Amino acid sequence: MKAKARYHLIVHRGSPAHIEVVDIDDGEVALFWDLLPRDARRVEEMLRAELESMDAREFFERWAAFEGDADLR
């Protein structure tokens, strides 16, 4: 199953920005980060690209290890 069929991305702009990856089946937040606004834009672009290209399991495993701003530097 493609990640985009399993997960929905929600971005709340602000300082900090909040990014949520929601499991479509149960409506629960699967992944969540508070990021600096500039980092949130970058992460959002990466997430959207990988939602399109990865399968759901691969996507979750990759992003579950992401710890936010520190991983971008």
Protein backbone atom coordinates (compact mmCIF):
# COMPACT_ATOMS: atom_id res chain seq x y z
CA MET A 1 0.00 0.00 0.00
CA LYS A 2 1.34 3.44 -0.91
CA ALA A 3 1.99 5.78 2.00
CA LYS A 4 -0.36 8.42 0.56
CA ALA A 5 -3.23 5.92 0.79
CA ARG A 6 -2.47 5.26 4.46
CA TYR A 7 -1.42 8.64 5.86
CA HIS A 8 -2.65 12.23 5.72
CA LEU A 9 -0.33 15.18 6.34
CA ILE A 10 -1.48 18.17 8.42
CA VAL A 11 0.69 21.27 8.80
CA HIS A 12 -0.09 24.03 11.30
CA ARG A 13 1.93 27.16 10.53
CA GLY A 14 3.20 29.28 13.37
CA SER A 15 6.13 29.45 15.69
CA PRO A 16 6.71 26.67 16.31
CA ALA A 17 5.11 24.98 13.34
CA HIS A 18 3.40 21.64 13.97
CA ILE A 19 3.45 18.78 11.50
CA GLU A 20 1.24 15.74 12.01
CA VAL A 21 1.07 12.53 10.02
CA VAL A 22 -2.37 11.02 10.64
CA ASP A 23 -3.32 7.39 10.02
CA ILE A 24 -6.36 7.58 7.74
CA ASP A 25 -7.81 4.27 8.99
CA ASP A 26 -8.17 5.24 12.64
CA GLY A 27 -7.74 9.03 12.60
CA GLU A 28 -4.91 8.84 15.13
CA VAL A 29 -1.74 10.89 14.90
CA ALA A 30 1.05 8.49 13.94
CA LEU A 31 3.91 11.01 13.84
CA PHE A 32 4.22 14.56 15.18
CA TRP A 33 6.89 17.27 15.25
CA ASP A 34 7.21 20.85 16.47
CA LEU A 35 9.66 22.64 14.19
CA LEU A 36 11.01 26.07 13.43
CA PRO A 37 8.95 27.53 10.56
CA ARG A 38 11.86 27.40 8.07
CA ASP A 39 12.53 23.76 8.95
CA ALA A 40 8.83 22.89 8.76
CA ARG A 41 8.67 23.97 5.12
CA ARG A 42 11.62 21.75 4.28
CA VAL A 43 10.23 18.76 6.18
CA GLU A 44 6.79 19.24 4.64
CA GLU A 45 8.29 19.07 1.14
CA MET A 46 10.23 15.93 2.03
CA LEU A 47 7.16 14.28 3.58
CA ARG A 48 4.94 15.07 0.60
CA ALA A 49 7.49 13.65 -1.84
CA GLU A 50 7.94 10.48 0.17
CA LEU A 51 4.19 10.00 0.71
CA GLU A 52 3.98 9.77 -3.09
CA SER A 53 6.96 7.50 -3.64
CA MET A 54 7.18 5.10 -0.66
CA ASP A 55 5.03 2.30 0.58
CA ALA A 56 3.35 2.85 3.96
CA ARG A 57 5.65 0.67 6.04
CA GLU A 58 8.84 2.10 4.54
CA PHE A 59 7.52 5.66 5.03
CA PHE A 60 6.62 5.09 8.68
CA GLU A 61 9.92 3.41 9.52
CA ARG A 62 11.92 6.18 7.90
CA TRP A 63 10.03 9.04 9.57
CA ALA A 64 9.60 7.40 12.98
CA ALA A 65 13.37 7.78 13.38
CA PHE A 66 13.27 11.51 12.51
CA GLU A 67 13.78 13.64 15.61
CA GLY A 68 13.13 17.09 14.23
CA ASP A 69 15.39 20.10 13.87
CA ALA A 70 18.53 18.28 15.04
CA ASP A 71 18.26 15.76 12.19
CA LEU A 72 18.23 18.56 9.61
CA ARG A 73 21.63 19.93 10.58
